[in-house]
Amino acid sequence: MSTQWMIYGANGYTGELIAREAVRRGLAPTLAGRNQGKIDALAHELGLQARGFGLDDTKQASRQIEGHALVLNCAGPFSATAAPMMEACLKAGAHYLDITGEIAVFELAQSLDARAREAGIVICPGVGFDVIPTDCIAAMLKKQMPDATHLALGFDSRSGLSPGTAKTSTEGVGEGSKVRRDGKIVSVPLAHRVRYIDFGNGEKMAMTIPWGDVSTAYHTTGIPNIEVFVPATPTMVFGARMSTYMTPLLALPPMREMMKTLI
């Protein structure tokens, strides 16, 4: 079996960080992406192979992937790239990984379980920070409380948003927030619930957000009611709730494109 692997979107902010770290560790991934010029320049600097291709044609993309054991997709927004890349990986027989935190991508991956098993591959989105530590905590909680029916999961982070993550956030900005109720993912207003949580250094106000754990924690624990919280100031909560009234405007494609341009 091939040990060669590919980073798609290697010229992006996080993709480049991963490519440089891979080389530092003595690894030699193939760098790939839509922008051939930028991919070639980075690959030349790092002494790696490069391939330039888009995801509009999954058959062509699968041919580019063939011979690689896995693809790490770092090209956001994943709402646009995950589905075609997963399809290309299924055709090429390559494992699929990405660094998303998008609920829809986790649900898409779950829906492809049978096809992935048949192809002999793993489809594993969210291999960055996004849900791994919180999913482990959720699993531990379920082990201690096997009869749990509600999960309120909160996390605090001092990191900021990369440009790619910020652009991804604009894709769902007009859709409000998401929670899981009775096993189903439903839409709710942004910051629809507020509570105080001690993250280890005193209580903080926190609000609900549409985070990936709304999808993944259910598949890990079977708990049917799930909400995810992050720290928020009263101003942030007020702003999130006010944005609910602007949802129809924020959902317009021209508005989303303008926000991406500003980012």
Protein backbone atom coordinates (compact mmCIF):
# COMPACT_ATOMS: atom_id res chain seq x y z
CA MET A 1 0.00 0.00 0.00
CA SER A 2 1.23 3.49 -0.87
CA THR A 3 2.45 5.69 1.96
CA GLN A 4 2.28 8.83 -0.19
CA TRP A 5 -0.28 11.42 0.94
CA MET A 6 -1.59 14.74 -0.30
CA ILE A 7 -2.39 18.13 1.21
CA TYR A 8 -5.08 19.81 -0.88
CA GLY A 9 -5.29 23.57 -0.43
CA ALA A 10 -1.64 23.62 0.64
CA ASN A 11 -1.23 27.26 -0.38
CA GLY A 12 -3.91 28.39 2.09
CA TYR A 13 -3.12 29.71 5.56
CA THR A 14 -3.52 26.46 7.51
CA GLY A 15 -2.53 24.24 4.58
CA GLU A 16 0.84 25.95 4.32
CA LEU A 17 1.42 25.68 8.08
CA ILE A 18 0.74 21.94 7.88
CA ALA A 19 2.98 21.52 4.83
CA ARG A 20 5.89 23.25 6.57
CA GLU A 21 5.37 21.22 9.75
CA ALA A 22 5.24 18.01 7.72
CA VAL A 23 8.61 18.78 6.15
CA ARG A 24 10.04 19.68 9.55
CA ARG A 25 9.04 16.21 10.71
CA GLY A 26 10.72 14.54 7.74
CA LEU A 27 7.53 13.87 5.76
CA ALA A 28 7.06 14.52 2.06
CA PRO A 29 3.41 15.05 1.13
CA THR A 30 2.31 15.99 -2.36
CA LEU A 31 1.09 19.60 -2.37
CA ALA A 32 -2.05 20.29 -4.38
CA GLY A 33 -4.62 22.99 -4.97
CA ARG A 34 -6.51 24.97 -7.53
CA ASN A 35 -3.85 27.69 -7.92
CA GLN A 36 -1.03 25.96 -9.82
CA GLY A 37 1.36 28.91 -9.55
CA LYS A 38 1.16 29.23 -5.77
CA ILE A 39 1.32 25.46 -5.28
CA ASP A 40 4.39 25.16 -7.51
CA ALA A 41 6.17 27.98 -5.67
CA LEU A 42 5.59 26.44 -2.24
CA ALA A 43 6.47 22.93 -3.43
CA HIS A 44 9.71 24.19 -4.98
CA GLU A 45 10.66 25.94 -1.74
CA LEU A 46 9.98 22.84 0.36
CA GLY A 47 11.35 20.32 -2.14
CA LEU A 48 8.01 18.55 -2.63
CA GLN A 49 5.90 17.34 -5.54
CA ALA A 50 3.05 19.56 -6.72
CA ARG A 51 -0.23 19.05 -8.56
CA GLY A 52 -2.69 21.69 -9.65
CA PHE A 53 -6.35 20.78 -10.13
CA GLY A 54 -9.82 21.93 -9.19
CA LEU A 55 -12.79 19.96 -7.90
CA ASP A 56 -15.34 20.76 -10.59
CA ASP A 57 -14.68 17.37 -12.25
CA THR A 58 -14.49 14.59 -9.64
CA LYS A 59 -13.27 12.02 -12.18
CA GLN A 60 -10.32 14.23 -13.09
CA ALA A 61 -9.67 14.94 -9.41
CA SER A 62 -9.71 11.22 -8.59
CA ARG A 63 -7.08 10.61 -11.27
CA GLN A 64 -4.87 13.22 -9.64
CA ILE A 65 -5.37 11.54 -6.25
CA GLU A 66 -4.65 7.98 -7.43
CA GLY A 67 -1.53 6.52 -5.86
CA HIS A 68 -2.00 8.46 -2.62
CA ALA A 69 -3.05 6.68 0.56
CA LEU A 70 -4.89 9.72 1.90
CA VAL A 71 -5.85 13.30 1.18
CA LEU A 72 -5.91 16.01 3.84
CA ASN A 73 -8.31 18.66 2.56
CA CYS A 74 -7.36 22.12 3.85
CA ALA A 75 -9.28 24.09 1.20
CA GLY A 76 -12.23 25.97 2.61
CA PRO A 77 -15.01 26.75 2.58
CA PHE A 78 -15.62 23.06 3.12
CA SER A 79 -19.27 23.54 2.23
CA ALA A 80 -17.92 23.84 -1.33
CA THR A 81 -14.95 21.45 -1.32
CA ALA A 82 -15.79 18.57 1.02
CA ALA A 83 -18.46 16.83 -1.09
CA PRO A 84 -16.50 16.72 -4.38
CA MET A 85 -13.27 15.76 -2.63
CA MET A 86 -14.97 12.99 -0.66
CA GLU A 87 -16.40 11.71 -3.94
CA ALA A 88 -12.99 11.85 -5.60
CA CYS A 89 -11.44 9.95 -2.68
CA LEU A 90 -14.14 7.28 -2.89
CA LYS A 91 -13.33 6.81 -6.58
CA ALA A 92 -9.56 6.79 -5.98
CA GLY A 93 -9.67 4.57 -2.89
CA ALA A 94 -7.89 7.19 -0.75
CA HIS A 95 -8.71 8.04 2.86
CA TYR A 96 -10.26 11.51 3.32
CA LEU A 97 -9.40 13.91 6.14
CA ASP A 98 -10.10 17.61 6.56
CA ILE A 99 -9.90 20.38 9.14
CA THR A 100 -13.51 21.57 9.07
CA GLY A 101 -15.81 22.32 11.95
CA GLU A 102 -18.94 22.54 9.79
CA ILE A 103 -21.97 20.57 10.94
CA ALA A 104 -23.13 19.85 7.39
CA VAL A 105 -19.78 18.28 6.47
CA PHE A 106 -19.85 15.93 9.48
CA GLU A 107 -23.39 14.89 8.57
CA LEU A 108 -22.35 14.35 4.95
CA ALA A 109 -19.48 12.13 6.07
CA GLN A 110 -21.82 10.08 8.25
CA SER A 111 -24.18 9.58 5.32
CA LEU A 112 -21.31 8.11 3.27
CA ASP A 113 -20.43 5.48 5.88
CA ALA A 114 -21.63 2.48 3.84
CA ARG A 115 -19.87 3.63 0.66
CA ALA A 116 -16.65 4.32 2.58
CA ARG A 117 -16.70 0.83 4.09
CA GLU A 118 -17.29 -0.69 0.66
CA ALA A 119 -14.38 1.32 -0.78
CA GLY A 120 -12.16 0.35 2.16
CA ILE A 121 -11.45 3.93 3.17
CA VAL A 122 -11.94 6.19 6.18
CA ILE A 123 -13.77 9.50 5.81
CA CYS A 124 -12.78 11.58 8.82
CA PRO A 125 -13.49 15.33 8.76
CA GLY A 126 -12.53 17.62 11.62
CA VAL A 127 -9.03 16.33 12.37
CA GLY A 128 -7.87 19.74 13.55
CA PHE A 129 -8.78 21.21 16.94
CA ASP A 130 -12.45 21.60 16.21
CA VAL A 131 -14.19 18.62 17.81
CA ILE A 132 -11.52 16.15 18.91
CA PRO A 133 -10.94 17.33 22.54
CA THR A 134 -14.60 18.10 23.14
CA ASP A 135 -15.69 14.79 21.59
CA CYS A 136 -13.36 12.94 23.97
CA ILE A 137 -14.91 14.77 26.93
CA ALA A 138 -18.41 13.94 25.65
CA ALA A 139 -17.48 10.26 25.38
CA MET A 140 -16.07 10.26 28.91
CA LEU A 141 -19.21 11.96 30.24
CA LYS A 142 -21.46 9.39 28.55
CA LYS A 143 -19.40 6.58 30.12
CA GLN A 144 -19.91 8.12 33.57
CA MET A 145 -23.58 8.99 32.95
CA PRO A 146 -24.94 6.34 30.54
CA ASP A 147 -28.54 7.53 30.99
CA ALA A 148 -27.79 11.15 30.01
CA THR A 149 -30.38 12.72 27.71
CA HIS A 150 -29.04 16.30 27.46
CA LEU A 151 -25.51 17.55 26.77
CA ALA A 152 -24.48 21.20 27.22
CA LEU A 153 -20.91 21.32 25.93
CA GLY A 154 -18.73 24.42 26.27
CA PHE A 155 -15.15 25.24 25.34
CA ASP A 156 -12.88 28.25 25.63
CA SER A 157 -10.07 29.11 23.22
CA ARG A 158 -7.57 31.92 23.04
CA SER A 159 -6.92 31.40 19.34
CA GLY A 160 -8.37 33.65 16.67
CA LEU A 161 -9.89 32.88 13.28
CA SER A 162 -7.80 32.29 10.18
CA PRO A 163 -9.05 34.05 7.02
CA GLY A 164 -10.29 30.70 5.70
CA THR A 165 -12.27 29.96 8.85
CA ALA A 166 -13.75 33.45 8.83
CA LYS A 167 -14.82 33.02 5.19
CA THR A 168 -16.34 29.64 6.03
CA SER A 169 -18.34 31.27 8.83
CA THR A 170 -19.96 33.63 6.32
CA GLU A 171 -21.43 30.65 4.47
CA GLY A 172 -23.83 29.94 7.33
CA VAL A 173 -24.20 33.43 8.73
CA GLY A 174 -27.72 33.76 7.32
CA GLU A 175 -28.86 30.41 8.72
CA GLY A 176 -28.73 31.27 12.42
CA SER A 177 -27.55 28.67 14.92
CA LYS A 178 -27.99 24.90 15.24
CA VAL A 179 -28.77 22.57 18.16
CA ARG A 180 -29.83 18.94 18.36
CA ARG A 181 -33.27 18.17 19.74
CA ASP A 182 -34.66 14.67 20.09
CA GLY A 183 -31.89 13.39 17.84
CA LYS A 184 -32.46 15.85 15.00
CA ILE A 185 -30.49 18.98 14.10
CA VAL A 186 -32.73 22.05 14.14
CA SER A 187 -32.23 25.74 13.46
CA VAL A 188 -32.52 28.28 16.28
CA PRO A 189 -31.66 31.99 16.58
CA LEU A 190 -28.03 32.92 17.25
CA ALA A 191 -27.23 33.07 21.00
CA HIS A 192 -30.68 31.61 21.68
CA ARG A 193 -29.46 30.38 25.05
CA VAL A 194 -26.99 31.97 27.51
CA ARG A 195 -25.50 30.44 30.66
CA TYR A 196 -22.48 30.86 32.91
CA ILE A 197 -19.69 28.26 32.68
CA ASP A 198 -16.47 27.86 34.65
CA PHE A 199 -13.82 26.92 32.07
CA GLY A 200 -11.15 26.61 34.77
CA ASN A 201 -10.51 30.24 35.62
CA GLY A 202 -13.83 31.45 36.97
CA GLU A 203 -17.32 31.65 35.54
CA LYS A 204 -17.86 33.34 32.19
CA MET A 205 -20.98 34.22 30.28
CA ALA A 206 -21.35 31.84 27.33
CA MET A 207 -23.72 31.60 24.37
CA THR A 208 -24.77 28.81 22.03
CA ILE A 209 -23.10 28.53 18.62
CA PRO A 210 -23.58 26.19 15.62
CA TRP A 211 -20.45 24.08 16.26
CA GLY A 212 -19.50 20.69 14.85
CA ASP A 213 -20.20 18.86 18.12
CA VAL A 214 -23.91 19.29 17.46
CA SER A 215 -23.30 16.60 14.84
CA THR A 216 -20.39 14.55 16.15
CA ALA A 217 -21.26 14.31 19.85
CA TYR A 218 -24.54 12.64 18.94
CA HIS A 219 -22.83 9.94 16.89
CA THR A 220 -20.28 9.44 19.69
CA THR A 221 -22.66 9.36 22.64
CA GLY A 222 -26.18 8.86 21.35
CA ILE A 223 -27.34 11.76 23.56
CA PRO A 224 -30.31 13.23 21.66
CA ASN A 225 -30.25 16.84 22.94
CA ILE A 226 -27.03 18.80 22.42
CA GLU A 227 -26.01 22.46 22.66
CA VAL A 228 -22.53 23.97 22.30
CA PHE A 229 -21.40 27.11 24.16
CA VAL A 230 -18.44 29.50 23.91
CA PRO A 231 -17.59 32.52 26.10
CA ALA A 232 -19.27 35.75 25.02
CA THR A 233 -19.54 39.26 26.37
CA PRO A 234 -22.97 40.88 26.79
CA THR A 235 -22.17 42.98 23.70
CA MET A 236 -21.47 39.84 21.65
CA VAL A 237 -24.70 38.24 22.82
CA PHE A 238 -26.66 41.39 21.97
CA GLY A 239 -25.03 41.59 18.53
CA ALA A 240 -25.70 37.92 17.79
CA ARG A 241 -29.33 38.24 18.77
CA MET A 242 -29.82 41.43 16.78
CA SER A 243 -28.33 39.76 13.70
CA THR A 244 -31.28 37.37 13.74
CA TYR A 245 -33.41 40.20 12.42
CA MET A 246 -30.96 40.67 9.54
CA THR A 247 -30.89 36.98 8.58
CA PRO A 248 -32.70 37.41 5.23
CA LEU A 249 -30.21 40.12 4.22
CA LEU A 250 -27.14 38.21 5.42
CA ALA A 251 -28.27 35.11 3.52
CA LEU A 252 -28.14 36.89 0.16
CA PRO A 253 -25.20 35.66 -2.00
CA PRO A 254 -24.01 39.22 -2.87
CA MET A 255 -23.85 40.06 0.86
CA ARG A 256 -21.86 36.90 1.63
CA GLU A 257 -19.45 37.62 -1.23
CA MET A 258 -18.95 41.18 0.04
CA MET A 259 -18.13 39.87 3.53
CA LYS A 260 -15.62 37.39 2.08
CA THR A 261 -13.97 40.20 0.12
CA LEU A 262 -13.66 42.28 3.28
CA ILE A 263 -12.11 39.28 5.10
